Structures are given as structure tokens and as C-alpha cells.
C-alpha atoms as a PDB file:
ATOM      1  CA  UNK A   1      74.406 117.449  90.136  1.00  0.00           C
ATOM      2  CA  UNK A   2      77.814 119.175  89.990  1.00  0.00           C
ATOM      3  CA  UNK A   3      76.770 121.902  92.450  1.00  0.00           C
ATOM      4  CA  UNK A   4      79.220 121.632  95.337  1.00  0.00           C
ATOM      5  CA  UNK A   5      77.879 120.613  98.710  1.00  0.00           C
ATOM      6  CA  UNK A   6      79.464 119.480 101.941  1.00  0.00           C
ATOM      7  CA  UNK A   7      80.624 115.868 101.454  1.00  0.00           C
ATOM      8  CA  UNK A   8      79.254 113.052 103.560  1.00  0.00           C
ATOM      9  CA  UNK A   9      82.288 111.232 104.934  1.00  0.00           C
ATOM     10  CA  UNK A  10      80.762 108.550 107.161  1.00  0.00           C
ATOM     11  CA  UNK A  11      81.657 105.603 104.897  1.00  0.00           C
ATOM     12  CA  UNK A  12      85.359 104.961 104.292  1.00  0.00           C
ATOM     13  CA  UNK A  13      85.710 102.358 101.558  1.00  0.00           C
ATOM     14  CA  UNK A  14      84.690  99.026 100.098  1.00  0.00           C
ATOM     15  CA  UNK A  15      85.411  96.472 102.788  1.00  0.00           C
ATOM     16  CA  UNK A  16      84.511  93.030 101.505  1.00  0.00           C
ATOM     17  CA  UNK A  17      82.889  91.394  98.496  1.00  0.00           C
ATOM     18  CA  UNK A  18      81.039  88.116  98.714  1.00  0.00           C
ATOM     19  CA  UNK A  19      80.741  86.103  95.529  1.00  0.00           C
ATOM     20  CA  UNK A  20      78.325  83.208  95.079  1.00  0.00           C
ATOM     21  CA  UNK A  21      79.375  80.215  92.988  1.00  0.00           C
ATOM     22  CA  UNK A  22      77.834  76.854  92.055  1.00  0.00           C
ATOM     23  CA  UNK A  23      81.368  75.415  91.657  1.00  0.00           C
ATOM     24  CA  UNK A  24      83.124  76.267  94.909  1.00  0.00           C
ATOM     25  CA  UNK A  25      86.209  74.076  94.458  1.00  0.00           C
ATOM     26  CA  UNK A  26      86.862  75.257  90.902  1.00  0.00           C
ATOM     27  CA  UNK A  27      86.214  78.902  91.791  1.00  0.00           C
ATOM     28  CA  UNK A  28      88.596  78.580  94.731  1.00  0.00           C
ATOM     29  CA  UNK A  29      91.281  77.253  92.363  1.00  0.00           C
ATOM     30  CA  UNK A  30      90.770  80.282  90.105  1.00  0.00           C
ATOM     31  CA  UNK A  31      91.106  82.864  92.872  1.00  0.00           C
ATOM     32  CA  UNK A  32      93.818  81.084  94.893  1.00  0.00           C
ATOM     33  CA  UNK A  33      96.040  79.558  92.212  1.00  0.00           C
ATOM     34  CA  UNK A  34      95.453  81.776  89.172  1.00  0.00           C
ATOM     35  CA  UNK A  35      94.846  85.168  90.806  1.00  0.00           C
ATOM     36  CA  UNK A  36      97.207  84.433  93.703  1.00  0.00           C
ATOM     37  CA  UNK A  37      94.909  85.212  96.645  1.00  0.00           C
ATOM     38  CA  UNK A  38      95.414  83.728 100.127  1.00  0.00           C
ATOM     39  CA  UNK A  39      92.889  81.634 102.039  1.00  0.00           C
ATOM     40  CA  UNK A  40      92.678  82.866 105.640  1.00  0.00           C
ATOM     41  CA  UNK A  41      89.639  80.986 106.966  1.00  0.00           C
ATOM     42  CA  UNK A  42      86.835  78.611 106.052  1.00  0.00           C
ATOM     43  CA  UNK A  43      83.427  78.254 107.662  1.00  0.00           C
ATOM     44  CA  UNK A  44      80.582  76.119 106.396  1.00  0.00           C
ATOM     45  CA  UNK A  45      80.191  76.705 102.647  1.00  0.00           C
ATOM     46  CA  UNK A  46      82.314  79.870 102.649  1.00  0.00           C
ATOM     47  CA  UNK A  47      86.019  80.518 102.084  1.00  0.00           C
ATOM     48  CA  UNK A  48      87.514  83.818 103.294  1.00  0.00           C
ATOM     49  CA  UNK A  49      90.362  85.231 101.219  1.00  0.00           C
ATOM     50  CA  UNK A  50      92.558  88.286 100.789  1.00  0.00           C
ATOM     51  CA  UNK A  51      94.859  89.954  98.284  1.00  0.00           C
ATOM     52  CA  UNK A  52      98.419  90.591  99.433  1.00  0.00           C
ATOM     53  CA  UNK A  53      98.054  94.371  99.706  1.00  0.00           C
ATOM     54  CA  UNK A  54      94.769  94.433 101.653  1.00  0.00           C
ATOM     55  CA  UNK A  55      95.164  95.540 105.276  1.00  0.00           C
ATOM     56  CA  UNK A  56      92.129  93.676 106.612  1.00  0.00           C
ATOM     57  CA  UNK A  57      91.948  90.037 107.716  1.00  0.00           C
ATOM     58  CA  UNK A  58      89.781  89.146 104.704  1.00  0.00           C
ATOM     59  CA  UNK A  59      88.343  91.190 101.869  1.00  0.00           C
ATOM     60  CA  UNK A  60      86.785  88.492  99.709  1.00  0.00           C
ATOM     61  CA  UNK A  61      84.295  85.760 100.619  1.00  0.00           C
ATOM     62  CA  UNK A  62      83.551  82.898  98.267  1.00  0.00           C
ATOM     63  CA  UNK A  63      80.304  81.069  99.085  1.00  0.00           C
ATOM     64  CA  UNK A  64      78.739  77.966  97.553  1.00  0.00           C
ATOM     65  CA  UNK A  65      75.288  78.589  96.073  1.00  0.00           C
ATOM     66  CA  UNK A  66      72.961  77.226  93.411  1.00  0.00           C
ATOM     67  CA  UNK A  67      73.840  79.997  90.944  1.00  0.00           C
ATOM     68  CA  UNK A  68      76.534  82.666  90.522  1.00  0.00           C
ATOM     69  CA  UNK A  69      76.096  86.284  91.476  1.00  0.00           C
ATOM     70  CA  UNK A  70      76.836  88.813  94.199  1.00  0.00           C
ATOM     71  CA  UNK A  71      76.419  87.908  97.838  1.00  0.00           C
ATOM     72  CA  UNK A  72      76.705  90.603 100.474  1.00  0.00           C
ATOM     73  CA  UNK A  73      78.611  93.794  99.619  1.00  0.00           C
ATOM     74  CA  UNK A  74      80.251  95.359 102.676  1.00  0.00           C
ATOM     75  CA  UNK A  75      81.253  98.985 103.278  1.00  0.00           C
ATOM     76  CA  UNK A  76      83.441 100.036 106.196  1.00  0.00           C
ATOM     77  CA  UNK A  77      82.456 103.169 108.105  1.00  0.00           C
ATOM     78  CA  UNK A  78      84.838 105.799 109.479  1.00  0.00           C
ATOM     79  CA  UNK A  79      83.922 105.264 113.138  1.00  0.00           C
ATOM     80  CA  UNK A  80      81.330 103.647 115.413  1.00  0.00           C
ATOM     81  CA  UNK A  81      79.511 106.980 115.493  1.00  0.00           C
ATOM     82  CA  UNK A  82      79.488 107.179 111.686  1.00  0.00           C
ATOM     83  CA  UNK A  83      78.067 103.655 111.556  1.00  0.00           C
ATOM     84  CA  UNK A  84      75.182 104.644 113.834  1.00  0.00           C
ATOM     85  CA  UNK A  85      74.445 107.732 111.733  1.00  0.00           C
ATOM     86  CA  UNK A  86      74.298 105.739 108.507  1.00  0.00           C
ATOM     87  CA  UNK A  87      72.072 103.086 110.082  1.00  0.00           C
ATOM     88  CA  UNK A  88      69.559 105.747 111.114  1.00  0.00           C
ATOM     89  CA  UNK A  89      69.550 107.206 107.600  1.00  0.00           C
ATOM     90  CA  UNK A  90      69.113 103.792 105.956  1.00  0.00           C
ATOM     91  CA  UNK A  91      66.309 102.850 108.331  1.00  0.00           C
ATOM     92  CA  UNK A  92      64.557 106.159 107.650  1.00  0.00           C
ATOM     93  CA  UNK A  93      64.718 105.376 103.915  1.00  0.00           C
ATOM     94  CA  UNK A  94      62.975 102.039 104.501  1.00  0.00           C
ATOM     95  CA  UNK A  95      65.886  99.944 103.157  1.00  0.00           C
ATOM     96  CA  UNK A  96      67.124  98.373 106.388  1.00  0.00           C
ATOM     97  CA  UNK A  97      67.154  94.677 107.278  1.00  0.00           C
ATOM     98  CA  UNK A  98      68.781  94.680 110.715  1.00  0.00           C
ATOM     99  CA  UNK A  99      71.862  94.175 112.868  1.00  0.00           C
ATOM    100  CA  UNK A 100      73.963  91.003 112.851  1.00  0.00           C
ATOM    101  CA  UNK A 101      76.460  90.075 115.560  1.00  0.00           C
ATOM    102  CA  UNK A 102      79.492  89.655 113.326  1.00  0.00           C
ATOM    103  CA  UNK A 103      81.397  87.537 110.856  1.00  0.00           C
ATOM    104  CA  UNK A 104      84.904  86.123 110.603  1.00  0.00           C
ATOM    105  CA  UNK A 105      87.338  89.020 110.879  1.00  0.00           C
ATOM    106  CA  UNK A 106      84.620  91.572 111.613  1.00  0.00           C
ATOM    107  CA  UNK A 107      82.430  92.891 114.395  1.00  0.00           C
ATOM    108  CA  UNK A 108      78.723  93.585 114.249  1.00  0.00           C
ATOM    109  CA  UNK A 109      77.268  94.941 111.028  1.00  0.00           C
ATOM    110  CA  UNK A 110      74.000  96.310 109.730  1.00  0.00           C
ATOM    111  CA  UNK A 111      72.365  94.719 106.685  1.00  0.00           C
ATOM    112  CA  UNK A 112      70.294  96.557 104.101  1.00  0.00           C
ATOM    113  CA  UNK A 113      69.404  96.522 100.415  1.00  0.00           C
ATOM    114  CA  UNK A 114      69.818  99.157  97.763  1.00  0.00           C
ATOM    115  CA  UNK A 115      66.736 100.155  95.718  1.00  0.00           C
ATOM    116  CA  UNK A 116      67.500  97.440  93.140  1.00  0.00           C
ATOM    117  CA  UNK A 117      67.703  94.711  95.784  1.00  0.00           C
ATOM    118  CA  UNK A 118      71.471  94.155  96.084  1.00  0.00           C
ATOM    119  CA  UNK A 119      72.360  92.836  99.545  1.00  0.00           C
ATOM    120  CA  UNK A 120      74.736  95.167 101.418  1.00  0.00           C
ATOM    121  CA  UNK A 121      76.003  95.924 104.903  1.00  0.00           C
ATOM    122  CA  UNK A 122      77.975  98.553 106.786  1.00  0.00           C
ATOM    123  CA  UNK A 123      80.336  97.999 109.716  1.00  0.00           C
ATOM    124  CA  UNK A 124      83.292  99.496 111.573  1.00  0.00           C
ATOM    125  CA  UNK A 125      84.994  96.874 113.750  1.00  0.00           C
ATOM    126  CA  UNK A 126      87.474  94.862 111.738  1.00  0.00           C
ATOM    127  CA  UNK A 127      90.414  92.567 112.445  1.00  0.00           C
ATOM    128  CA  UNK A 128      93.665  93.750 110.899  1.00  0.00           C
ATOM    129  CA  UNK A 129      95.710  91.146 109.080  1.00  0.00           C
ATOM    130  CA  UNK A 130      98.834  89.858 110.823  1.00  0.00           C
ATOM    131  CA  UNK A 131     100.869  87.712 108.467  1.00  0.00           C
ATOM    132  CA  UNK A 132     102.319  84.429 109.722  1.00  0.00           C
ATOM    133  CA  UNK A 133     106.096  84.108 109.396  1.00  0.00           C
ATOM    134  CA  UNK A 134     105.846  82.322 106.037  1.00  0.00           C
ATOM    135  CA  UNK A 135     103.887  85.239 104.547  1.00  0.00           C
ATOM    136  CA  UNK A 136     105.602  88.161 106.271  1.00  0.00           C
ATOM    137  CA  UNK A 137     107.014  90.766 103.895  1.00  0.00           C
ATOM    138  CA  UNK A 138     110.469  92.260 104.243  1.00  0.00           C
ATOM    139  CA  UNK A 139     108.704  95.587 103.678  1.00  0.00           C
ATOM    140  CA  UNK A 140     107.339  96.800 107.007  1.00  0.00           C
ATOM    141  CA  UNK A 141     104.565  98.751 105.253  1.00  0.00           C
ATOM    142  CA  UNK A 142     103.232  95.792 103.228  1.00  0.00           C
ATOM    143  CA  UNK A 143     100.686  93.574 105.058  1.00  0.00           C
ATOM    144  CA  UNK A 144     101.781  90.386 103.300  1.00  0.00           C
ATOM    145  CA  UNK A 145     104.627  89.425 101.036  1.00  0.00           C
ATOM    146  CA  UNK A 146     104.301  89.187  97.270  1.00  0.00           C
ATOM    147  CA  UNK A 147     104.195  85.435  96.679  1.00  0.00           C
ATOM    148  CA  UNK A 148     104.488  85.579  92.864  1.00  0.00           C
ATOM    149  CA  UNK A 149     101.744  82.956  92.619  1.00  0.00           C
ATOM    150  CA  UNK A 150      99.569  83.412  89.563  1.00  0.00           C
ATOM    151  CA  UNK A 151      98.574  86.962  88.653  1.00  0.00           C
ATOM    152  CA  UNK A 152      99.092  87.941  92.320  1.00  0.00           C
ATOM    153  CA  UNK A 153      96.429  90.663  92.514  1.00  0.00           C
ATOM    154  CA  UNK A 154      97.219  93.382  95.070  1.00  0.00           C
ATOM    155  CA  UNK A 155      93.772  94.403  96.372  1.00  0.00           C
ATOM    156  CA  UNK A 156      90.054  94.389  95.746  1.00  0.00           C
ATOM    157  CA  UNK A 157      89.176  97.452  93.709  1.00  0.00           C
ATOM    158  CA  UNK A 158      85.534  97.851  92.660  1.00  0.00           C
ATOM    159  CA  UNK A 159      82.346  96.238  91.444  1.00  0.00           C
ATOM    160  CA  UNK A 160      79.780  97.081  88.775  1.00  0.00           C
ATOM    161  CA  UNK A 161      76.166  96.348  89.665  1.00  0.00           C
ATOM    162  CA  UNK A 162      73.285  96.083  87.221  1.00  0.00           C
ATOM    163  CA  UNK A 163      70.174  98.116  88.025  1.00  0.00           C
ATOM    164  CA  UNK A 164      66.773  98.562  86.473  1.00  0.00           C
ATOM    165  CA  UNK A 165      66.828 102.250  87.458  1.00  0.00           C
ATOM    166  CA  UNK A 166      70.389 103.596  87.461  1.00  0.00           C
ATOM    167  CA  UNK A 167      69.396 107.086  88.643  1.00  0.00           C
ATOM    168  CA  UNK A 168      67.489 105.830  91.708  1.00  0.00           C
ATOM    169  CA  UNK A 169      70.384 103.663  92.825  1.00  0.00           C
ATOM    170  CA  UNK A 170      72.961 106.363  92.151  1.00  0.00           C
ATOM    171  CA  UNK A 171      70.937 108.808  94.256  1.00  0.00           C
ATOM    172  CA  UNK A 172      70.736 106.228  97.052  1.00  0.00           C
ATOM    173  CA  UNK A 173      74.519 105.777  96.989  1.00  0.00           C
ATOM    174  CA  UNK A 174      75.112 109.531  97.058  1.00  0.00           C
ATOM    175  CA  UNK A 175      72.520 110.530  99.644  1.00  0.00           C
ATOM    176  CA  UNK A 176      72.798 107.620 102.091  1.00  0.00           C
ATOM    177  CA  UNK A 177      76.398 106.410 101.737  1.00  0.00           C
ATOM    178  CA  UNK A 178      78.242 109.528 100.566  1.00  0.00           C
ATOM    179  CA  UNK A 179      79.450 108.453  97.122  1.00  0.00           C
ATOM    180  CA  UNK A 180      80.648 111.089  94.661  1.00  0.00           C
ATOM    181  CA  UNK A 181      79.963 110.583  90.962  1.00  0.00           C
ATOM    182  CA  UNK A 182      83.104 110.635  88.798  1.00  0.00           C
ATOM    183  CA  UNK A 183      81.735 109.764  85.351  1.00  0.00           C
ATOM    184  CA  UNK A 184      78.367 109.091  83.734  1.00  0.00           C
ATOM    185  CA  UNK A 185      76.972 107.838  80.447  1.00  0.00           C
ATOM    186  CA  UNK A 186      73.692 109.472  79.396  1.00  0.00           C
ATOM    187  CA  UNK A 187      71.810 108.797  76.161  1.00  0.00           C
ATOM    188  CA  UNK A 188      68.742 110.356  74.525  1.00  0.00           C
ATOM    189  CA  UNK A 189      69.930 113.958  74.943  1.00  0.00           C
ATOM    190  CA  UNK A 190      70.891 113.298  78.543  1.00  0.00           C
ATOM    191  CA  UNK A 191      67.499 111.903  79.553  1.00  0.00           C
ATOM    192  CA  UNK A 192      68.526 108.242  80.013  1.00  0.00           C
ATOM    193  CA  UNK A 193      71.163 107.419  82.616  1.00  0.00           C
ATOM    194  CA  UNK A 194      72.966 104.340  81.308  1.00  0.00           C
ATOM    195  CA  UNK A 195      75.715 104.181  83.929  1.00  0.00           C
ATOM    196  CA  UNK A 196      77.304 106.069  86.825  1.00  0.00           C
ATOM    197  CA  UNK A 197      80.764 105.464  88.315  1.00  0.00           C
ATOM    198  CA  UNK A 198      81.267 106.540  91.933  1.00  0.00           C
ATOM    199  CA  UNK A 199      83.771 106.499  94.763  1.00  0.00           C
ATOM    200  CA  UNK A 200      83.987 107.350  98.433  1.00  0.00           C
ATOM    201  CA  UNK A 201      87.581 108.578  98.239  1.00  0.00           C
ATOM    202  CA  UNK A 202      90.162 109.546  95.664  1.00  0.00           C
ATOM    203  CA  UNK A 203      90.166 106.467  93.426  1.00  0.00           C
ATOM    204  CA  UNK A 204      88.121 106.712  90.245  1.00  0.00           C
ATOM    205  CA  UNK A 205      85.334 104.364  91.339  1.00  0.00           C
ATOM    206  CA  UNK A 206      84.560 101.723  93.922  1.00  0.00           C
ATOM    207  CA  UNK A 207      81.072 101.007  92.626  1.00  0.00           C
ATOM    208  CA  UNK A 208      79.244 101.535  89.365  1.00  0.00           C
ATOM    209  CA  UNK A 209      75.575 101.139  88.559  1.00  0.00           C
ATOM    210  CA  UNK A 210      74.874 100.215  84.934  1.00  0.00           C
ATOM    211  CA  UNK A 211      71.579  99.587  83.190  1.00  0.00           C
ATOM    212  CA  UNK A 212      70.249  96.041  83.429  1.00  0.00           C
ATOM    213  CA  UNK A 213      69.042  95.679  79.852  1.00  0.00           C
ATOM    214  CA  UNK A 214      66.924  92.648  80.777  1.00  0.00           C
ATOM    215  CA  UNK A 215      65.059  94.586  83.452  1.00  0.00           C
ATOM    216  CA  UNK A 216      66.022  92.185  86.242  1.00  0.00           C
ATOM    217  CA  UNK A 217      67.018  93.030  89.830  1.00  0.00           C
ATOM    218  CA  UNK A 218      69.980  92.456  92.145  1.00  0.00           C
ATOM    219  CA  UNK A 219      72.469  91.340  89.507  1.00  0.00           C
ATOM    220  CA  UNK A 220      76.194  92.002  89.059  1.00  0.00           C
ATOM    221  CA  UNK A 221      78.095  92.837  85.902  1.00  0.00           C
ATOM    222  CA  UNK A 222      81.578  92.230  87.312  1.00  0.00           C
ATOM    223  CA  UNK A 223      83.921  92.590  90.247  1.00  0.00           C
ATOM    224  CA  UNK A 224      87.443  93.863  89.883  1.00  0.00           C
ATOM    225  CA  UNK A 225      90.889  93.314  91.381  1.00  0.00           C
ATOM    226  CA  UNK A 226      93.748  95.797  91.185  1.00  0.00           C
ATOM    227  CA  UNK A 227      97.145  94.844  89.817  1.00  0.00           C
ATOM    228  CA  UNK A 228     100.210  97.072  89.701  1.00  0.00           C
ATOM    229  CA  UNK A 229     100.795  97.827  86.025  1.00  0.00           C
ATOM    230  CA  UNK A 230      99.895  97.096  82.410  1.00  0.00           C
ATOM    231  CA  UNK A 231     102.581  94.460  82.011  1.00  0.00           C
ATOM    232  CA  UNK A 232     101.082  92.535  84.928  1.00  0.00           C
ATOM    233  CA  UNK A 233      97.692  92.597  83.181  1.00  0.00           C
ATOM    234  CA  UNK A 234      99.319  91.067  80.099  1.00  0.00           C
ATOM    235  CA  UNK A 235     100.971  88.437  82.311  1.00  0.00           C
ATOM    236  CA  UNK A 236      97.573  87.668  83.843  1.00  0.00           C
ATOM    237  CA  UNK A 237      96.168  87.135  80.344  1.00  0.00           C
ATOM    238  CA  UNK A 238      98.875  84.536  79.661  1.00  0.00           C
ATOM    239  CA  UNK A 239      98.194  82.764  82.956  1.00  0.00           C
ATOM    240  CA  UNK A 240      94.442  82.602  82.332  1.00  0.00           C
ATOM    241  CA  UNK A 241      94.838  81.485  78.712  1.00  0.00           C
ATOM    242  CA  UNK A 242      97.312  78.735  79.686  1.00  0.00           C
ATOM    243  CA  UNK A 243      94.733  77.426  82.143  1.00  0.00           C
ATOM    244  CA  UNK A 244      91.844  77.424  79.648  1.00  0.00           C
ATOM    245  CA  UNK A 245      89.974  80.303  81.304  1.00  0.00           C
ATOM    246  CA  UNK A 246      87.644  82.111  78.912  1.00  0.00           C
ATOM    247  CA  UNK A 247      88.825  85.682  78.286  1.00  0.00           C
ATOM    248  CA  UNK A 248      85.854  87.749  77.212  1.00  0.00           C
ATOM    249  CA  UNK A 249      87.493  91.131  76.547  1.00  0.00           C
ATOM    250  CA  UNK A 250      90.932  92.727  76.613  1.00  0.00           C
ATOM    251  CA  UNK A 251      93.649  93.277  77.413  1.00  0.00           C
ATOM    252  CA  UNK A 252      92.829  96.808  76.313  1.00  0.00           C
ATOM    253  CA  UNK A 253      92.143 100.311  77.611  1.00  0.00           C
ATOM    254  CA  UNK A 254      88.891 101.916  78.765  1.00  0.00           C
ATOM    255  CA  UNK A 255      88.005 105.425  77.690  1.00  0.00           C
ATOM    256  CA  UNK A 256      85.985 105.974  80.863  1.00  0.00           C
ATOM    257  CA  UNK A 257      88.551 105.845  83.742  1.00  0.00           C
ATOM    258  CA  UNK A 258      91.528 105.484  81.323  1.00  0.00           C
ATOM    259  CA  UNK A 259      92.308 102.123  82.946  1.00  0.00           C
ATOM    260  CA  UNK A 260      93.887  99.000  81.453  1.00  0.00           C
ATOM    261  CA  UNK A 261      91.650  95.920  81.745  1.00  0.00           C
ATOM    262  CA  UNK A 262      91.152  92.199  81.235  1.00  0.00           C
ATOM    263  CA  UNK A 263      87.805  90.409  81.684  1.00  0.00           C
ATOM    264  CA  UNK A 264      87.418  86.671  82.223  1.00  0.00           C
ATOM    265  CA  UNK A 265      84.781  84.314  83.626  1.00  0.00           C
ATOM    266  CA  UNK A 266      85.729  82.413  86.763  1.00  0.00           C
ATOM    267  CA  UNK A 267      84.563  78.749  86.720  1.00  0.00           C
ATOM    268  CA  UNK A 268      81.360  79.524  88.634  1.00  0.00           C
ATOM    269  CA  UNK A 269      80.237  81.905  85.889  1.00  0.00           C
ATOM    270  CA  UNK A 270      80.960  85.344  87.378  1.00  0.00           C
ATOM    271  CA  UNK A 271      82.758  87.977  85.310  1.00  0.00           C
ATOM    272  CA  UNK A 272      86.054  89.078  86.901  1.00  0.00           C
ATOM    273  CA  UNK A 273      88.158  92.061  85.864  1.00  0.00           C
ATOM    274  CA  UNK A 274      91.904  92.520  86.314  1.00  0.00           C
ATOM    275  CA  UNK A 275      92.421  96.294  86.425  1.00  0.00           C
ATOM    276  CA  UNK A 276      95.298  98.781  86.469  1.00  0.00           C
ATOM    277  CA  UNK A 277      95.998 102.419  85.710  1.00  0.00           C
ATOM    278  CA  UNK A 278      93.086 104.883  85.842  1.00  0.00           C
ATOM    279  CA  UNK A 279      93.313 108.295  87.501  1.00  0.00           C
ATOM    280  CA  UNK A 280      92.753 109.589  91.008  1.00  0.00           C
ATOM    281  CA  UNK A 281      90.520 112.501  91.973  1.00  0.00           C
ATOM    282  CA  UNK A 282      91.963 114.999  94.455  1.00  0.00           C
ATOM    283  CA  UNK A 283      89.796 118.039  93.716  1.00  0.00           C
ATOM    284  CA  UNK A 284      86.936 118.322  96.241  1.00  0.00           C
ATOM    285  CA  UNK A 285      84.843 120.078  93.583  1.00  0.00           C
ATOM    286  CA  UNK A 286      85.596 117.635  90.756  1.00  0.00           C
ATOM    287  CA  UNK A 287      82.996 117.975  88.014  1.00  0.00           C
ATOM    288  CA  UNK A 288      81.350 114.775  86.833  1.00  0.00           C
ATOM    289  CA  UNK A 289      82.434 113.799  83.320  1.00  0.00           C
ATOM    290  CA  UNK A 290      79.391 112.926  81.184  1.00  0.00           C
ATOM    291  CA  UNK A 291      79.519 110.980  77.905  1.00  0.00           C
ATOM    292  CA  UNK A 292      76.767 110.825  75.284  1.00  0.00           C
ATOM    293  CA  UNK A 293      76.204 108.223  72.564  1.00  0.00           C
ATOM    294  CA  UNK A 294      78.590 109.771  70.041  1.00  0.00           C
ATOM    295  CA  UNK A 295      81.359 110.514  72.525  1.00  0.00           C
ATOM    296  CA  UNK A 296      81.102 107.131  74.195  1.00  0.00           C
ATOM    297  CA  UNK A 297      81.336 105.064  71.025  1.00  0.00           C
ATOM    298  CA  UNK A 298      82.055 101.430  71.848  1.00  0.00           C
ATOM    299  CA  UNK A 299      83.491 102.343  75.255  1.00  0.00           C
ATOM    300  CA  UNK A 300      86.907 101.036  74.224  1.00  0.00           C
ATOM    301  CA  UNK A 301      89.819 103.437  73.797  1.00  0.00           C
ATOM    302  CA  UNK A 302      91.972 100.849  72.015  1.00  0.00           C
ATOM    303  CA  UNK A 303      90.845  98.064  69.727  1.00  0.00           C
ATOM    304  CA  UNK A 304      87.492  96.818  68.491  1.00  0.00           C
ATOM    305  CA  UNK A 305      84.022  96.852  70.006  1.00  0.00           C
ATOM    306  CA  UNK A 306      83.121  94.769  73.038  1.00  0.00           C
ATOM    307  CA  UNK A 307      81.181  91.523  72.479  1.00  0.00           C
ATOM    308  CA  UNK A 308      77.389  91.386  72.830  1.00  0.00           C
ATOM    309  CA  UNK A 309      77.797  89.238  75.929  1.00  0.00           C
ATOM    310  CA  UNK A 310      79.180  92.305  77.681  1.00  0.00           C
ATOM    311  CA  UNK A 311      75.764  93.931  77.532  1.00  0.00           C
ATOM    312  CA  UNK A 312      73.545  90.875  77.893  1.00  0.00           C
ATOM    313  CA  UNK A 313      75.321  88.679  80.463  1.00  0.00           C
ATOM    314  CA  UNK A 314      75.227  89.445  84.186  1.00  0.00           C
ATOM    315  CA  UNK A 315      75.010  87.156  87.217  1.00  0.00           C
ATOM    316  CA  UNK A 316      72.771  85.543  88.143  1.00  0.00           C
ATOM    317  CA  UNK A 317      71.918  85.039  84.477  1.00  0.00           C
ATOM    318  CA  UNK A 318      68.275  85.297  83.405  1.00  0.00           C
ATOM    319  CA  UNK A 319      66.670  84.034  80.209  1.00  0.00           C
ATOM    320  CA  UNK A 320      64.330  87.022  79.976  1.00  0.00           C
ATOM    321  CA  UNK A 321      64.564  88.688  76.554  1.00  0.00           C
ATOM    322  CA  UNK A 322      65.746  92.281  76.374  1.00  0.00           C
ATOM    323  CA  UNK A 323      62.712  94.625  76.599  1.00  0.00           C
ATOM    324  CA  UNK A 324      61.996  96.664  73.485  1.00  0.00           C
ATOM    325  CA  UNK A 325      62.922  99.944  75.168  1.00  0.00           C
ATOM    326  CA  UNK A 326      66.428  98.599  75.902  1.00  0.00           C
ATOM    327  CA  UNK A 327      66.993  96.774  72.639  1.00  0.00           C
ATOM    328  CA  UNK A 328      68.635  99.790  70.995  1.00  0.00           C
ATOM    329  CA  UNK A 329      71.114 100.403  73.827  1.00  0.00           C
ATOM    330  CA  UNK A 330      74.552  99.804  72.253  1.00  0.00           C
ATOM    331  CA  UNK A 331      77.219  97.772  73.977  1.00  0.00           C
ATOM    332  CA  UNK A 332      78.789  99.990  76.614  1.00  0.00           C
ATOM    333  CA  UNK A 333      81.768  99.412  78.840  1.00  0.00           C
ATOM    334  CA  UNK A 334      80.902  99.197  82.569  1.00  0.00           C
ATOM    335  CA  UNK A 335      84.633  99.575  83.474  1.00  0.00           C
END
């Protein structure tokens, strides 16, 4: 897998995450008041939001639903021509759904599903954010001012998706979207792919696929927001704790990615990570870092092991017991 080949550069970056919640008003409070995001539009049962450092009109969509979980995951292409090329490749793979005319802040997009059933789309046309006077930064190169409200996350960063077959979904992401694999966890003498962390650019990862130990489909482990430094992660922990938000893990440090983290559950039930640090990848021939059972340990560089909920809880939650073949998989850290 580390053999160098010409990179596929048609897809630029993660464009928007849609999160489903059965408690829209309470989830909105969490993201707006505690994480410090801005509401830019509402339509029907959806609220469109942004972090202060995101250049686009909206990068996060919160939608009312009967249960929590991922909605549509959007990837922005490099150009209209790149979009057409990726659509042809996705259609040829039999994963396409079809074109849609557009959404708030965006032009037309093409919907598809990954092999595990996660709902995704690709697009190019996008409205750039223009801050109103009250939110205009004194820094010309910052899309929106730092409001100092709540944790005040800077940008969307990544998501970790659960998959019944990690290898099949990782291959899809590499071959059809152009992801490069940064790190992997493989057990059983390298035969079982437990997780793969991938990016389209120089950041450590924009998407990870991790084993769904319950054998379900289309679920999410967590989504993550970037914050500037470790001290801000500690401040976020205080803000969440003072507002009676359940903190599941952290603050602590990952071994995979080297990042500083904090995991909490937003009121709708989705796991949210506050994330900082990590390393960037500039080498075009970067070699994937692979961890085995012994090297991986608990997945935590500092502190004790992660709780069992970290392995067993994803959204939407399912009551299905863990299959026997997955019962011996230790708690790992999806980063």
C-alpha cells in the first residue's frame, strides 16, 4: 500500500458535515452557546452553522431527526471538471444516487453512498462567507472575528465513521476520492484492519474508518472540531463540565496523530471531539504508520484506558450484541 503512485487530486477537502439529532433545540444550544459556533441560516428542520475560521458560508448542518447519527457528508472538489470526473468514477462503481440542484450556500451536488452505506456528496460551487459588520474581524485574513463565546472552535476538522469492513471502505476512499492513508491499526499479524486514518491534503486526517464491533452499517463514531491549542481544550472541558455536559474521555493525548483531545456527548446523543495539535504531512511519499496490538496498547499516550463505551457506542445506537468475532477487540482510540 505504501508503493508511490500519482496522487488523485480531484477532491479538495471536507466541506460540510450534517448531524442528525432528536433534540434540535438542545443540540443547537450546545453548538452555538457552548462551542461558540454561529448560526447563518435556518430552513425547515435544519440549522446551518459555521466556525469562525471556516471560509465557507456554512460548514455544519444540524437537522432534526428521530435518532442521532450522521446525515450527509460533503466533500468539495477542486474544480467543476474534477467534480465531473469523480461523478463518472462513482457511477461506474455502482455507488451513485444522483444530482441535486443545490442547498443553502452551495450549488448543485452529486449524492452517493460509501460501501458501508454512509450518505455523502461531492460539489464545487460554494458561497464564500462575508461577515456582517458585527462579526467582521480586524484581521483581514480571518473570515469572522473571534467572539470568545464558549469554547469558540475555529473550524470543522474530521469525522470517524464506523464500518463493517474497514478495508473495503478505505479502498473506496483512496481509489474514488483520492484519500491518502496516514496511519492504520492492524491486529492478528496484520490480517485484520481495525482502523485507517486518511486525508486529502496535509493535515493528519479528515476521515477515519474504524471497525463497527456490532456489525451495523452507516454509523458514526464521532465528529471533531479544531481548536487552537491545548489550553483551549482544557478551557472547553471547564465550559462543558459547568454546563452538565457528559465528558466521556480526556482531556488527554492520542498516540495515533499525537493530538490533544476531549470527547463529550452533545444533548442529541452524538459524540463530539474537541481537537488540537497533531502533525501535518508534507512528504508526497509519506509511508503509512501501522500499529499492532502491542504497540497500540489502549490508544492513549497519557493517562488510563478509554471507557468501554468508546468501543461499543456509535450513532445511531443499536442494541445488537457484539458478534463473537469482535468480542476480543480491545478498546481502541478512533482519534
